[in-house]
């Protein structure tokens, strides 16, 4: 969530993620992963010590298109 620090005083990490998913905000990493077919699962606090993300990350899922989902 490398762009979260620019909005941290206005929204929660979950709100930030939802705005990025809706296309209202652009996050350098999350927006790229969404375009690559990743799906956000949940916000994870205290994942890594990082000022820009305020120590948050997003767990992203990639469903392998070569494996049939059953």
N, C-alpha and C. Protein backbone atom coordinates (compact mmCIF):
# COMPACT_ATOMS: atom_id res chain seq x y z
N UNK A 1 0.85 -1.18 0.00
CA UNK A 1 0.00 0.00 0.00
C UNK A 1 0.89 1.24 0.00
N UNK A 2 1.77 1.30 -0.98
CA UNK A 2 2.81 2.33 -0.96
C UNK A 2 2.28 3.75 -1.08
N UNK A 3 1.07 3.94 -1.55
CA UNK A 3 0.50 5.28 -1.64
C UNK A 3 -0.36 5.66 -0.46
N UNK A 4 -0.53 4.76 0.49
CA UNK A 4 -1.45 5.01 1.60
C UNK A 4 -1.07 6.23 2.42
N UNK A 5 0.21 6.51 2.58
CA UNK A 5 0.64 7.64 3.41
C UNK A 5 0.05 8.97 2.93
N UNK A 6 -0.32 9.07 1.66
CA UNK A 6 -0.88 10.32 1.15
C UNK A 6 -2.34 10.51 1.55
N UNK A 7 -2.98 9.45 2.01
CA UNK A 7 -4.41 9.51 2.38
C UNK A 7 -4.68 9.04 3.80
N UNK A 8 -3.64 8.68 4.53
CA UNK A 8 -3.80 8.07 5.86
C UNK A 8 -4.54 8.97 6.84
N UNK A 9 -4.43 10.29 6.67
CA UNK A 9 -5.12 11.19 7.60
C UNK A 9 -6.60 11.37 7.24
N UNK A 10 -7.01 10.82 6.08
CA UNK A 10 -8.39 11.00 5.62
C UNK A 10 -9.20 9.70 5.57
N UNK A 11 -8.51 8.55 5.54
CA UNK A 11 -9.24 7.29 5.40
C UNK A 11 -8.49 6.14 6.05
N UNK A 12 -9.24 5.11 6.39
CA UNK A 12 -8.64 3.91 6.96
C UNK A 12 -7.95 3.12 5.83
N UNK A 13 -7.10 2.17 6.18
CA UNK A 13 -6.49 1.34 5.15
C UNK A 13 -7.53 0.60 4.30
N UNK A 14 -8.60 0.14 4.92
CA UNK A 14 -9.65 -0.56 4.18
C UNK A 14 -10.35 0.38 3.20
N UNK A 15 -10.64 1.59 3.63
CA UNK A 15 -11.27 2.57 2.75
C UNK A 15 -10.34 2.91 1.58
N UNK A 16 -9.05 3.02 1.87
CA UNK A 16 -8.06 3.30 0.82
C UNK A 16 -8.08 2.17 -0.22
N UNK A 17 -8.02 0.94 0.26
CA UNK A 17 -8.04 -0.21 -0.65
C UNK A 17 -9.30 -0.20 -1.50
N UNK A 18 -10.45 0.03 -0.89
CA UNK A 18 -11.71 0.05 -1.63
C UNK A 18 -11.72 1.14 -2.70
N UNK A 19 -11.15 2.31 -2.39
CA UNK A 19 -11.08 3.40 -3.36
C UNK A 19 -10.15 3.03 -4.52
N UNK A 20 -9.07 2.33 -4.23
CA UNK A 20 -8.16 1.89 -5.30
C UNK A 20 -8.86 0.86 -6.18
N UNK A 21 -9.55 -0.08 -5.57
CA UNK A 21 -10.27 -1.12 -6.33
C UNK A 21 -11.34 -0.48 -7.23
N UNK A 22 -12.02 0.54 -6.73
CA UNK A 22 -13.04 1.22 -7.54
C UNK A 22 -12.44 2.11 -8.62
N UNK A 23 -11.14 2.32 -8.58
CA UNK A 23 -10.47 3.16 -9.56
C UNK A 23 -10.48 4.64 -9.23
N UNK A 24 -10.90 4.98 -8.01
CA UNK A 24 -10.94 6.38 -7.58
C UNK A 24 -9.55 6.89 -7.20
N UNK A 25 -8.70 5.99 -6.75
CA UNK A 25 -7.31 6.31 -6.40
C UNK A 25 -6.40 5.36 -7.15
N UNK A 26 -5.16 5.79 -7.32
CA UNK A 26 -4.15 4.94 -7.93
C UNK A 26 -3.06 4.66 -6.92
N UNK A 27 -2.81 3.41 -6.67
CA UNK A 27 -1.70 3.00 -5.82
C UNK A 27 -0.69 2.31 -6.73
N UNK A 28 0.59 2.72 -6.69
CA UNK A 28 1.57 2.17 -7.61
C UNK A 28 1.64 0.64 -7.63
N UNK A 29 1.46 0.01 -6.51
CA UNK A 29 1.58 -1.45 -6.44
C UNK A 29 0.22 -2.12 -6.60
N UNK A 30 -0.76 -1.71 -5.82
CA UNK A 30 -2.07 -2.37 -5.85
C UNK A 30 -2.72 -2.23 -7.22
N UNK A 31 -2.68 -1.04 -7.80
CA UNK A 31 -3.30 -0.83 -9.12
C UNK A 31 -2.67 -1.73 -10.17
N UNK A 32 -1.35 -1.87 -10.11
CA UNK A 32 -0.65 -2.76 -11.04
C UNK A 32 -1.09 -4.20 -10.86
N UNK A 33 -1.15 -4.65 -9.61
CA UNK A 33 -1.54 -6.04 -9.34
C UNK A 33 -2.99 -6.31 -9.76
N UNK A 34 -3.86 -5.33 -9.59
CA UNK A 34 -5.25 -5.49 -10.05
C UNK A 34 -5.29 -5.67 -11.56
N UNK A 35 -4.49 -4.89 -12.28
CA UNK A 35 -4.45 -5.03 -13.74
C UNK A 35 -3.89 -6.38 -14.17
N UNK A 36 -3.09 -6.98 -13.31
CA UNK A 36 -2.51 -8.30 -13.61
C UNK A 36 -3.43 -9.45 -13.20
N UNK A 37 -4.62 -9.12 -12.71
CA UNK A 37 -5.58 -10.15 -12.37
C UNK A 37 -5.59 -10.60 -10.93
N UNK A 38 -4.88 -9.89 -10.07
CA UNK A 38 -4.91 -10.24 -8.65
C UNK A 38 -6.19 -9.71 -8.03
N UNK A 39 -6.63 -10.38 -6.97
CA UNK A 39 -7.83 -10.00 -6.24
C UNK A 39 -7.46 -9.73 -4.79
N UNK A 40 -7.83 -8.57 -4.25
CA UNK A 40 -7.52 -8.31 -2.84
C UNK A 40 -8.35 -9.20 -1.93
N UNK A 41 -7.69 -9.74 -0.92
CA UNK A 41 -8.35 -10.61 0.05
C UNK A 41 -8.62 -9.85 1.35
N UNK A 42 -7.57 -9.21 1.89
CA UNK A 42 -7.76 -8.43 3.11
C UNK A 42 -6.55 -7.54 3.36
N UNK A 43 -6.77 -6.52 4.17
CA UNK A 43 -5.70 -5.63 4.62
C UNK A 43 -5.02 -6.31 5.80
N UNK A 44 -3.69 -6.29 5.80
CA UNK A 44 -2.92 -6.91 6.88
C UNK A 44 -2.12 -5.83 7.60
N UNK A 45 -2.39 -5.60 8.89
CA UNK A 45 -1.64 -4.59 9.64
C UNK A 45 -0.29 -5.13 10.11
N UNK A 46 0.64 -4.23 10.34
CA UNK A 46 1.96 -4.58 10.90
C UNK A 46 2.67 -5.66 10.11
N UNK A 47 2.54 -5.61 8.80
CA UNK A 47 3.18 -6.62 7.95
C UNK A 47 4.67 -6.36 7.81
N UNK A 48 5.02 -5.11 7.60
CA UNK A 48 6.41 -4.74 7.40
C UNK A 48 6.60 -3.31 7.90
N UNK A 49 7.77 -3.02 8.41
CA UNK A 49 8.04 -1.66 8.87
C UNK A 49 8.29 -0.78 7.65
N UNK A 50 7.30 0.06 7.34
CA UNK A 50 7.37 0.88 6.13
C UNK A 50 6.54 2.14 6.34
N UNK A 51 7.17 3.28 6.28
CA UNK A 51 6.48 4.54 6.55
C UNK A 51 5.42 4.86 5.50
N UNK A 52 5.70 4.61 4.22
CA UNK A 52 4.74 4.95 3.17
C UNK A 52 3.43 4.19 3.30
N UNK A 53 3.51 2.93 3.66
CA UNK A 53 2.30 2.11 3.78
C UNK A 53 1.72 2.15 5.19
N UNK A 54 2.39 2.87 6.06
CA UNK A 54 2.00 2.90 7.49
C UNK A 54 1.95 1.49 8.07
N UNK A 55 2.83 0.64 7.56
CA UNK A 55 3.01 -0.76 8.01
C UNK A 55 1.87 -1.69 7.59
N UNK A 56 1.04 -1.27 6.66
CA UNK A 56 -0.03 -2.12 6.15
C UNK A 56 0.36 -2.73 4.81
N UNK A 57 -0.25 -3.85 4.51
CA UNK A 57 -0.16 -4.44 3.18
C UNK A 57 -1.51 -5.02 2.83
N UNK A 58 -1.63 -5.46 1.60
CA UNK A 58 -2.86 -6.12 1.16
C UNK A 58 -2.50 -7.52 0.71
N UNK A 59 -3.17 -8.50 1.28
CA UNK A 59 -3.02 -9.87 0.83
C UNK A 59 -3.79 -9.99 -0.48
N UNK A 60 -3.07 -10.39 -1.54
CA UNK A 60 -3.67 -10.49 -2.88
C UNK A 60 -3.67 -11.95 -3.31
N UNK A 61 -4.72 -12.34 -4.01
CA UNK A 61 -4.86 -13.71 -4.50
C UNK A 61 -4.76 -13.71 -6.03
N UNK A 62 -4.07 -14.69 -6.54
CA UNK A 62 -4.01 -14.90 -7.98
C UNK A 62 -4.52 -16.30 -8.25
N UNK A 63 -5.62 -16.38 -8.99
CA UNK A 63 -6.17 -17.69 -9.35
C UNK A 63 -5.54 -18.12 -10.65
N UNK A 64 -4.88 -19.26 -10.61
CA UNK A 64 -4.19 -19.79 -11.78
C UNK A 64 -5.21 -20.13 -12.87
N UNK A 65 -5.13 -19.47 -14.02
CA UNK A 65 -6.10 -19.73 -15.08
C UNK A 65 -5.93 -21.09 -15.74
N UNK A 66 -4.81 -21.76 -15.45
CA UNK A 66 -4.53 -23.06 -16.06
C UNK A 66 -5.05 -24.23 -15.21
N UNK A 67 -5.59 -23.91 -14.06
CA UNK A 67 -6.16 -24.94 -13.18
C UNK A 67 -7.66 -24.72 -13.11
N UNK A 68 -8.42 -25.73 -13.44
CA UNK A 68 -9.88 -25.61 -13.40
C UNK A 68 -10.34 -25.56 -11.96
N UNK A 69 -11.11 -24.51 -11.65
CA UNK A 69 -11.64 -24.35 -10.29
C UNK A 69 -12.87 -25.26 -10.16
N UNK A 70 -12.97 -25.98 -9.06
CA UNK A 70 -14.07 -26.90 -8.91
C UNK A 70 -14.84 -26.63 -7.75
